[in-house]
Amino acid sequence: MEYPPLVPYLTVSDAAGAIEFYKNAFGAVELRRHYAGESSKITHSHLVINGATLFLADDCSEMMGGKSMTPEALGGSPITLHLVLDDVDSFWDRAVAAGATVTMALADQFWGDRYGQLTDPYGHKWALGQEKVKLTEEEIHEAAKQVFGTKSEFATP
């Protein structure tokens, strides 16, 4: 099987539950699942979401002598997985109905996208976006000044 050059690999507290959530929330297709021997621990699963490959596994820190590395154990995650979509509203509605928590409401944004952010029940952050208007870098910069002002830490040089 061919894989893309970069694949996010998520660690979760309940891989079987997460797989079902991603199927319900994001329309994930499960291609494979491997277990740790005869246990119920999933050591590797391969999902496809919106054409993108995602790997995930149960936290197996007790088997590796380490600390749990799930977002819950770490107090969150600094990583956001961004999905570029053709119909963000339908995708968003399905994810929220499946149990995702809205952290930034879905709305039309100054950079031309309809965009919002969610957190899944396993602590991973997701951004969902759809380009609505194609803007130039200058148009985005000017729009950002309207949102953040001219003296903003977000302003580009």
N, C-alpha and C. Protein backbone atom coordinates (compact mmCIF):
# COMPACT_ATOMS: atom_id res chain seq x y z
N MET A 1 0.84 -1.18 0.00
CA MET A 1 0.00 0.00 0.00
C MET A 1 0.89 1.24 0.00
N GLU A 2 0.57 2.19 -0.85
CA GLU A 2 1.28 3.47 -0.92
C GLU A 2 0.72 4.42 0.14
N TYR A 3 1.61 5.15 0.80
CA TYR A 3 1.18 6.15 1.77
C TYR A 3 1.66 7.51 1.34
N PRO A 4 0.94 8.57 1.72
CA PRO A 4 1.43 9.92 1.43
C PRO A 4 2.69 10.19 2.23
N PRO A 5 3.46 11.22 1.87
CA PRO A 5 4.73 11.46 2.54
C PRO A 5 4.62 11.91 4.00
N LEU A 6 3.46 12.35 4.43
CA LEU A 6 3.26 12.75 5.82
C LEU A 6 1.89 12.26 6.27
N VAL A 7 1.87 11.49 7.37
CA VAL A 7 0.61 10.95 7.89
C VAL A 7 0.50 11.29 9.37
N PRO A 8 -0.53 12.04 9.79
CA PRO A 8 -0.74 12.26 11.23
C PRO A 8 -1.03 10.92 11.90
N TYR A 9 -0.44 10.74 13.09
CA TYR A 9 -0.63 9.50 13.86
C TYR A 9 -1.11 9.91 15.24
N LEU A 10 -2.37 9.63 15.55
CA LEU A 10 -2.97 10.05 16.81
C LEU A 10 -2.92 8.95 17.85
N THR A 11 -2.66 9.35 19.08
CA THR A 11 -2.76 8.46 20.23
C THR A 11 -4.00 8.85 21.00
N VAL A 12 -4.83 7.86 21.30
CA VAL A 12 -6.09 8.11 21.99
C VAL A 12 -6.28 7.14 23.15
N SER A 13 -7.20 7.48 24.04
CA SER A 13 -7.47 6.63 25.20
C SER A 13 -8.37 5.45 24.87
N ASP A 14 -9.08 5.50 23.75
CA ASP A 14 -10.00 4.44 23.35
C ASP A 14 -10.05 4.40 21.83
N ALA A 15 -9.13 3.69 21.21
CA ALA A 15 -9.03 3.69 19.75
C ALA A 15 -10.29 3.16 19.09
N ALA A 16 -10.87 2.10 19.63
CA ALA A 16 -12.10 1.55 19.03
C ALA A 16 -13.21 2.60 19.05
N GLY A 17 -13.35 3.30 20.17
CA GLY A 17 -14.34 4.36 20.26
C GLY A 17 -14.03 5.52 19.33
N ALA A 18 -12.76 5.88 19.25
CA ALA A 18 -12.35 6.98 18.36
C ALA A 18 -12.63 6.63 16.90
N ILE A 19 -12.33 5.40 16.52
CA ILE A 19 -12.59 4.97 15.14
C ILE A 19 -14.08 5.12 14.82
N GLU A 20 -14.93 4.68 15.73
CA GLU A 20 -16.38 4.79 15.50
C GLU A 20 -16.79 6.27 15.46
N PHE A 21 -16.22 7.09 16.36
CA PHE A 21 -16.53 8.52 16.33
C PHE A 21 -16.14 9.12 14.99
N TYR A 22 -14.92 8.85 14.50
CA TYR A 22 -14.46 9.42 13.23
C TYR A 22 -15.30 8.94 12.05
N LYS A 23 -15.78 7.70 12.13
CA LYS A 23 -16.70 7.21 11.09
C LYS A 23 -17.99 8.01 11.11
N ASN A 24 -18.57 8.19 12.29
CA ASN A 24 -19.84 8.91 12.42
C ASN A 24 -19.69 10.41 12.17
N ALA A 25 -18.65 11.01 12.74
CA ALA A 25 -18.48 12.46 12.68
C ALA A 25 -17.91 12.94 11.35
N PHE A 26 -16.92 12.22 10.82
CA PHE A 26 -16.18 12.70 9.66
C PHE A 26 -16.30 11.79 8.44
N GLY A 27 -17.12 10.74 8.53
CA GLY A 27 -17.26 9.83 7.40
C GLY A 27 -16.02 9.01 7.12
N ALA A 28 -15.22 8.74 8.16
CA ALA A 28 -13.98 7.99 7.98
C ALA A 28 -14.25 6.59 7.45
N VAL A 29 -13.31 6.12 6.66
CA VAL A 29 -13.33 4.75 6.16
C VAL A 29 -12.14 4.04 6.80
N GLU A 30 -12.40 2.93 7.47
CA GLU A 30 -11.34 2.17 8.13
C GLU A 30 -10.77 1.15 7.15
N LEU A 31 -9.45 1.21 6.94
CA LEU A 31 -8.80 0.29 6.02
C LEU A 31 -8.12 -0.87 6.73
N ARG A 32 -7.63 -0.63 7.95
CA ARG A 32 -6.99 -1.74 8.67
C ARG A 32 -6.95 -1.44 10.15
N ARG A 33 -6.83 -2.54 10.92
CA ARG A 33 -6.77 -2.44 12.38
C ARG A 33 -5.92 -3.60 12.88
N HIS A 34 -4.93 -3.30 13.74
CA HIS A 34 -4.07 -4.32 14.33
C HIS A 34 -4.16 -4.23 15.85
N TYR A 35 -4.15 -5.38 16.49
CA TYR A 35 -4.25 -5.46 17.95
C TYR A 35 -2.92 -5.89 18.56
N ALA A 36 -2.78 -5.58 19.85
CA ALA A 36 -1.62 -6.03 20.62
C ALA A 36 -1.90 -7.46 21.07
N GLY A 37 -1.40 -8.41 20.31
CA GLY A 37 -1.62 -9.83 20.64
C GLY A 37 -3.10 -10.15 20.72
N GLU A 38 -3.50 -10.78 21.82
CA GLU A 38 -4.89 -11.17 22.02
C GLU A 38 -5.68 -10.12 22.80
N SER A 39 -5.06 -8.96 23.06
CA SER A 39 -5.76 -7.93 23.85
C SER A 39 -6.69 -7.12 22.95
N SER A 40 -7.46 -6.24 23.57
CA SER A 40 -8.34 -5.35 22.82
C SER A 40 -7.65 -4.04 22.45
N LYS A 41 -6.39 -3.88 22.87
CA LYS A 41 -5.62 -2.66 22.56
C LYS A 41 -5.32 -2.62 21.07
N ILE A 42 -5.66 -1.52 20.44
CA ILE A 42 -5.36 -1.32 19.03
C ILE A 42 -4.00 -0.64 18.93
N THR A 43 -3.06 -1.34 18.30
CA THR A 43 -1.71 -0.78 18.15
C THR A 43 -1.54 0.00 16.86
N HIS A 44 -2.46 -0.19 15.92
CA HIS A 44 -2.40 0.57 14.67
C HIS A 44 -3.73 0.46 13.95
N SER A 45 -4.22 1.59 13.49
CA SER A 45 -5.37 1.59 12.59
C SER A 45 -5.11 2.61 11.50
N HIS A 46 -5.68 2.34 10.36
CA HIS A 46 -5.51 3.20 9.18
C HIS A 46 -6.90 3.64 8.75
N LEU A 47 -7.13 4.96 8.79
CA LEU A 47 -8.40 5.55 8.38
C LEU A 47 -8.16 6.49 7.21
N VAL A 48 -9.20 6.70 6.44
CA VAL A 48 -9.18 7.73 5.39
C VAL A 48 -10.35 8.66 5.67
N ILE A 49 -10.03 9.95 5.81
CA ILE A 49 -11.04 10.97 6.06
C ILE A 49 -10.93 12.02 4.96
N ASN A 50 -11.99 12.18 4.20
CA ASN A 50 -12.02 13.18 3.13
C ASN A 50 -10.82 13.02 2.19
N GLY A 51 -10.43 11.78 1.93
CA GLY A 51 -9.32 11.50 1.03
C GLY A 51 -7.95 11.54 1.68
N ALA A 52 -7.87 11.90 2.96
CA ALA A 52 -6.58 12.00 3.66
C ALA A 52 -6.38 10.79 4.57
N THR A 53 -5.13 10.35 4.66
CA THR A 53 -4.78 9.22 5.50
C THR A 53 -4.54 9.67 6.94
N LEU A 54 -5.06 8.90 7.89
CA LEU A 54 -4.87 9.14 9.32
C LEU A 54 -4.60 7.81 9.98
N PHE A 55 -3.55 7.75 10.78
CA PHE A 55 -3.28 6.57 11.60
C PHE A 55 -3.67 6.91 13.04
N LEU A 56 -4.10 5.90 13.80
CA LEU A 56 -4.32 6.11 15.22
C LEU A 56 -4.19 4.80 15.96
N ALA A 57 -3.91 4.94 17.26
CA ALA A 57 -3.70 3.78 18.11
C ALA A 57 -4.11 4.12 19.54
N ASP A 58 -4.37 3.06 20.30
CA ASP A 58 -4.57 3.22 21.74
C ASP A 58 -3.28 3.66 22.37
N ASP A 59 -3.40 4.40 23.47
CA ASP A 59 -2.24 4.72 24.29
C ASP A 59 -1.73 3.41 24.89
N CYS A 60 -0.51 3.06 24.58
CA CYS A 60 0.09 1.81 25.07
C CYS A 60 1.29 2.11 25.96
N SER A 61 1.21 3.21 26.69
CA SER A 61 2.35 3.64 27.50
C SER A 61 2.75 2.61 28.55
N GLU A 62 1.77 1.87 29.09
CA GLU A 62 2.11 0.86 30.10
C GLU A 62 2.94 -0.27 29.52
N MET A 63 2.82 -0.50 28.22
CA MET A 63 3.63 -1.53 27.56
C MET A 63 5.02 -1.01 27.21
N MET A 64 5.16 0.30 27.22
CA MET A 64 6.42 0.90 26.81
C MET A 64 7.12 1.61 27.97
N GLY A 65 6.59 1.44 29.18
CA GLY A 65 7.23 1.99 30.37
C GLY A 65 7.22 3.50 30.44
N GLY A 66 6.23 4.13 29.82
CA GLY A 66 6.22 5.58 29.80
C GLY A 66 4.94 6.19 30.30
N LYS A 67 4.87 7.49 30.17
CA LYS A 67 3.73 8.28 30.57
C LYS A 67 2.70 8.30 29.44
N SER A 68 1.44 8.35 29.81
CA SER A 68 0.38 8.44 28.81
C SER A 68 0.58 9.68 27.95
N MET A 69 0.34 9.52 26.65
CA MET A 69 0.54 10.62 25.71
C MET A 69 -0.76 11.03 25.02
N THR A 70 -1.90 10.73 25.63
CA THR A 70 -3.16 11.18 25.04
C THR A 70 -3.34 12.66 25.33
N PRO A 71 -4.13 13.38 24.53
CA PRO A 71 -4.39 14.78 24.84
C PRO A 71 -4.99 14.98 26.23
N GLU A 72 -5.86 14.05 26.67
CA GLU A 72 -6.43 14.17 28.02
C GLU A 72 -5.34 14.13 29.08
N ALA A 73 -4.39 13.21 28.94
CA ALA A 73 -3.32 13.06 29.93
C ALA A 73 -2.37 14.26 29.91
N LEU A 74 -2.21 14.87 28.75
CA LEU A 74 -1.28 15.99 28.60
C LEU A 74 -1.95 17.35 28.80
N GLY A 75 -3.25 17.36 29.05
CA GLY A 75 -3.96 18.62 29.23
C GLY A 75 -4.29 19.32 27.92
N GLY A 76 -4.35 18.58 26.83
CA GLY A 76 -4.66 19.15 25.53
C GLY A 76 -3.58 18.84 24.52
N SER A 77 -3.76 19.34 23.32
CA SER A 77 -2.80 19.12 22.25
C SER A 77 -2.53 20.43 21.53
N PRO A 78 -1.27 20.70 21.18
CA PRO A 78 -0.97 21.92 20.42
C PRO A 78 -1.21 21.76 18.92
N ILE A 79 -1.59 20.57 18.49
CA ILE A 79 -1.76 20.26 17.08
C ILE A 79 -3.23 20.41 16.69
N THR A 80 -3.49 21.02 15.54
CA THR A 80 -4.82 21.08 14.97
C THR A 80 -4.77 20.41 13.61
N LEU A 81 -5.68 19.47 13.38
CA LEU A 81 -5.79 18.80 12.09
C LEU A 81 -6.79 19.59 11.25
N HIS A 82 -6.36 20.05 10.08
CA HIS A 82 -7.20 20.91 9.24
C HIS A 82 -7.74 20.11 8.06
N LEU A 83 -9.06 20.13 7.90
CA LEU A 83 -9.70 19.47 6.77
C LEU A 83 -10.19 20.53 5.79
N VAL A 84 -9.77 20.40 4.54
CA VAL A 84 -10.23 21.27 3.46
C VAL A 84 -11.40 20.55 2.80
N LEU A 85 -12.56 21.19 2.79
CA LEU A 85 -13.79 20.51 2.39
C LEU A 85 -14.51 21.24 1.26
N ASP A 86 -15.35 20.50 0.55
CA ASP A 86 -16.19 21.08 -0.48
C ASP A 86 -17.55 21.51 0.08
N ASP A 87 -17.99 20.88 1.17
CA ASP A 87 -19.27 21.20 1.79
C ASP A 87 -19.08 21.22 3.30
N VAL A 88 -18.47 22.30 3.79
CA VAL A 88 -18.09 22.37 5.20
C VAL A 88 -19.32 22.35 6.12
N ASP A 89 -20.42 22.93 5.69
CA ASP A 89 -21.60 22.98 6.57
C ASP A 89 -22.14 21.59 6.89
N SER A 90 -22.28 20.74 5.89
CA SER A 90 -22.78 19.37 6.12
C SER A 90 -21.80 18.58 6.98
N PHE A 91 -20.51 18.72 6.68
CA PHE A 91 -19.48 18.02 7.43
C PHE A 91 -19.51 18.47 8.89
N TRP A 92 -19.61 19.79 9.10
CA TRP A 92 -19.66 20.39 10.43
C TRP A 92 -20.87 19.86 11.21
N ASP A 93 -22.03 19.91 10.59
CA ASP A 93 -23.25 19.46 11.27
C ASP A 93 -23.14 18.00 11.70
N ARG A 94 -22.59 17.15 10.85
CA ARG A 94 -22.43 15.73 11.19
C ARG A 94 -21.48 15.56 12.36
N ALA A 95 -20.37 16.31 12.37
CA ALA A 95 -19.38 16.19 13.46
C ALA A 95 -19.97 16.65 14.79
N VAL A 96 -20.70 17.75 14.78
CA VAL A 96 -21.31 18.26 16.01
C VAL A 96 -22.37 17.27 16.51
N ALA A 97 -23.17 16.74 15.59
CA ALA A 97 -24.20 15.76 15.98
C ALA A 97 -23.58 14.50 16.56
N ALA A 98 -22.38 14.15 16.12
CA ALA A 98 -21.70 12.94 16.61
C ALA A 98 -21.03 13.16 17.96
N GLY A 99 -20.93 14.42 18.41
CA GLY A 99 -20.36 14.67 19.73
C GLY A 99 -19.13 15.54 19.77
N ALA A 100 -18.73 16.13 18.66
CA ALA A 100 -17.59 17.06 18.69
C ALA A 100 -18.00 18.33 19.44
N THR A 101 -17.05 18.93 20.14
CA THR A 101 -17.28 20.16 20.88
C THR A 101 -16.81 21.35 20.04
N VAL A 102 -17.68 22.32 19.85
CA VAL A 102 -17.34 23.52 19.08
C VAL A 102 -16.43 24.41 19.93
N THR A 103 -15.24 24.74 19.39
CA THR A 103 -14.33 25.64 20.08
C THR A 103 -14.19 26.98 19.35
N MET A 104 -14.56 27.01 18.08
CA MET A 104 -14.64 28.25 17.30
C MET A 104 -15.78 28.03 16.31
N ALA A 105 -16.81 28.84 16.44
CA ALA A 105 -18.01 28.65 15.62
C ALA A 105 -17.68 28.71 14.13
N LEU A 106 -18.38 27.90 13.36
CA LEU A 106 -18.25 27.92 11.91
C LEU A 106 -18.82 29.23 11.39
N ALA A 107 -18.01 29.97 10.64
CA ALA A 107 -18.44 31.27 10.12
C ALA A 107 -17.59 31.66 8.92
N ASP A 108 -18.09 32.60 8.15
CA ASP A 108 -17.30 33.15 7.04
C ASP A 108 -16.20 34.02 7.65
N GLN A 109 -14.96 33.77 7.22
CA GLN A 109 -13.80 34.44 7.80
C GLN A 109 -13.20 35.47 6.84
N PHE A 110 -12.41 36.38 7.40
CA PHE A 110 -11.84 37.48 6.62
C PHE A 110 -10.90 37.01 5.52
N TRP A 111 -10.34 35.81 5.62
CA TRP A 111 -9.40 35.33 4.61
C TRP A 111 -10.11 34.61 3.45
N GLY A 112 -11.45 34.59 3.49
CA GLY A 112 -12.21 34.04 2.37
C GLY A 112 -12.77 32.65 2.59
N ASP A 113 -12.44 32.01 3.69
CA ASP A 113 -12.93 30.66 3.97
C ASP A 113 -14.14 30.71 4.90
N ARG A 114 -14.97 29.70 4.80
CA ARG A 114 -15.95 29.38 5.84
C ARG A 114 -15.20 28.40 6.72
N TYR A 115 -15.05 28.70 8.01
CA TYR A 115 -14.07 28.01 8.85
C TYR A 115 -14.56 27.95 10.29
N GLY A 116 -14.25 26.85 10.96
CA GLY A 116 -14.52 26.70 12.39
C GLY A 116 -13.63 25.63 12.97
N GLN A 117 -13.61 25.53 14.30
CA GLN A 117 -12.78 24.53 14.98
C GLN A 117 -13.61 23.73 15.97
N LEU A 118 -13.25 22.44 16.08
CA LEU A 118 -13.91 21.48 16.96
C LEU A 118 -12.86 20.71 17.75
N THR A 119 -13.28 20.15 18.86
CA THR A 119 -12.44 19.18 19.57
C THR A 119 -13.23 17.88 19.64
N ASP A 120 -12.54 16.79 19.29
CA ASP A 120 -13.23 15.50 19.34
C ASP A 120 -13.27 14.98 20.78
N PRO A 121 -14.06 13.95 21.06
CA PRO A 121 -14.17 13.45 22.43
C PRO A 121 -12.87 12.89 23.00
N TYR A 122 -11.84 12.76 22.18
CA TYR A 122 -10.56 12.20 22.63
C TYR A 122 -9.50 13.28 22.79
N GLY A 123 -9.91 14.55 22.65
CA GLY A 123 -9.03 15.68 22.92
C GLY A 123 -8.27 16.22 21.72
N HIS A 124 -8.48 15.68 20.53
CA HIS A 124 -7.78 16.18 19.35
C HIS A 124 -8.59 17.33 18.73
N LYS A 125 -7.86 18.35 18.27
CA LYS A 125 -8.47 19.54 17.69
C LYS A 125 -8.54 19.40 16.17
N TRP A 126 -9.66 19.84 15.62
CA TRP A 126 -9.91 19.78 14.18
C TRP A 126 -10.37 21.13 13.70
N ALA A 127 -9.84 21.57 12.57
CA ALA A 127 -10.31 22.77 11.89
C ALA A 127 -10.97 22.31 10.59
N LEU A 128 -12.12 22.87 10.31
CA LEU A 128 -12.85 22.53 9.09
C LEU A 128 -13.01 23.80 8.27
N GLY A 129 -12.61 23.74 7.02
CA GLY A 129 -12.68 24.94 6.20
C GLY A 129 -13.07 24.66 4.77
N GLN A 130 -13.67 25.67 4.16
CA GLN A 130 -14.03 25.62 2.75
C GLN A 130 -13.77 27.00 2.17
N GLU A 131 -12.98 27.04 1.10
CA GLU A 131 -12.73 28.32 0.45
C GLU A 131 -14.01 28.81 -0.21
N LYS A 132 -14.43 30.01 0.16
CA LYS A 132 -15.64 30.61 -0.42
C LYS A 132 -15.29 31.70 -1.41
N VAL A 133 -14.25 32.47 -1.08
CA VAL A 133 -13.82 33.59 -1.93
C VAL A 133 -12.29 33.51 -2.05
N LYS A 134 -11.80 33.55 -3.28
CA LYS A 134 -10.35 33.52 -3.51
C LYS A 134 -9.83 34.96 -3.39
N LEU A 135 -9.02 35.21 -2.35
CA LEU A 135 -8.46 36.53 -2.10
C LEU A 135 -6.96 36.54 -2.35
N THR A 136 -6.44 37.68 -2.73
CA THR A 136 -4.99 37.84 -2.87
C THR A 136 -4.39 38.01 -1.48
N GLU A 137 -3.08 37.86 -1.37
CA GLU A 137 -2.40 38.07 -0.09
C GLU A 137 -2.63 39.50 0.41
N GLU A 138 -2.62 40.45 -0.47
CA GLU A 138 -2.85 41.85 -0.09
C GLU A 138 -4.27 42.04 0.44
N GLU A 139 -5.26 41.43 -0.20
CA GLU A 139 -6.63 41.52 0.27
C GLU A 139 -6.78 40.89 1.66
N ILE A 140 -6.11 39.77 1.87
CA ILE A 140 -6.15 39.12 3.18
C ILE A 140 -5.48 40.01 4.22
N HIS A 141 -4.35 40.60 3.89
CA HIS A 141 -3.63 41.49 4.81
C HIS A 141 -4.52 42.68 5.19
N GLU A 142 -5.17 43.28 4.21
CA GLU A 142 -6.05 44.43 4.48
C GLU A 142 -7.24 44.01 5.33
N ALA A 143 -7.82 42.86 5.04
CA ALA A 143 -8.94 42.37 5.84
C ALA A 143 -8.51 42.08 7.27
N ALA A 144 -7.31 41.54 7.44
CA ALA A 144 -6.78 41.26 8.78
C ALA A 144 -6.63 42.55 9.57
N LYS A 145 -6.21 43.62 8.92
CA LYS A 145 -6.09 44.91 9.61
C LYS A 145 -7.44 45.38 10.12
N GLN A 146 -8.51 45.10 9.37
CA GLN A 146 -9.84 45.48 9.81
C GLN A 146 -10.26 44.68 11.05
N VAL A 147 -9.84 43.42 11.11
CA VAL A 147 -10.20 42.55 12.23
C VAL A 147 -9.31 42.82 13.44
N PHE A 148 -7.98 42.88 13.22
CA PHE A 148 -7.04 42.96 14.33
C PHE A 148 -6.51 44.36 14.58
N GLY A 149 -6.76 45.30 13.66
CA GLY A 149 -6.19 46.63 13.78
C GLY A 149 -4.82 46.67 13.12
N THR A 150 -4.25 47.84 13.02
CA THR A 150 -2.97 47.98 12.33
C THR A 150 -1.79 47.61 13.22
N LYS A 151 -1.93 47.68 14.53
CA LYS A 151 -0.87 47.32 15.46
C LYS A 151 -1.21 45.96 16.06
N SER A 152 -0.95 44.94 15.34
CA SER A 152 -1.34 43.61 15.80
C SER A 152 -0.13 42.68 15.75
N GLU A 153 -0.04 41.81 16.73
CA GLU A 153 1.03 40.82 16.73
C GLU A 153 0.83 39.85 15.57
N PHE A 154 -0.36 39.83 14.98
CA PHE A 154 -0.64 38.94 13.85
C PHE A 154 -0.35 39.58 12.50
N ALA A 155 -0.09 40.89 12.48
CA ALA A 155 0.14 41.58 11.21
C ALA A 155 1.42 41.10 10.57
N THR A 156 1.42 41.00 9.25
CA THR A 156 2.62 40.61 8.52
C THR A 156 3.48 41.83 8.26
N PRO A 157 4.79 41.65 8.12
CA PRO A 157 5.67 42.81 7.90
C PRO A 157 5.42 43.48 6.57
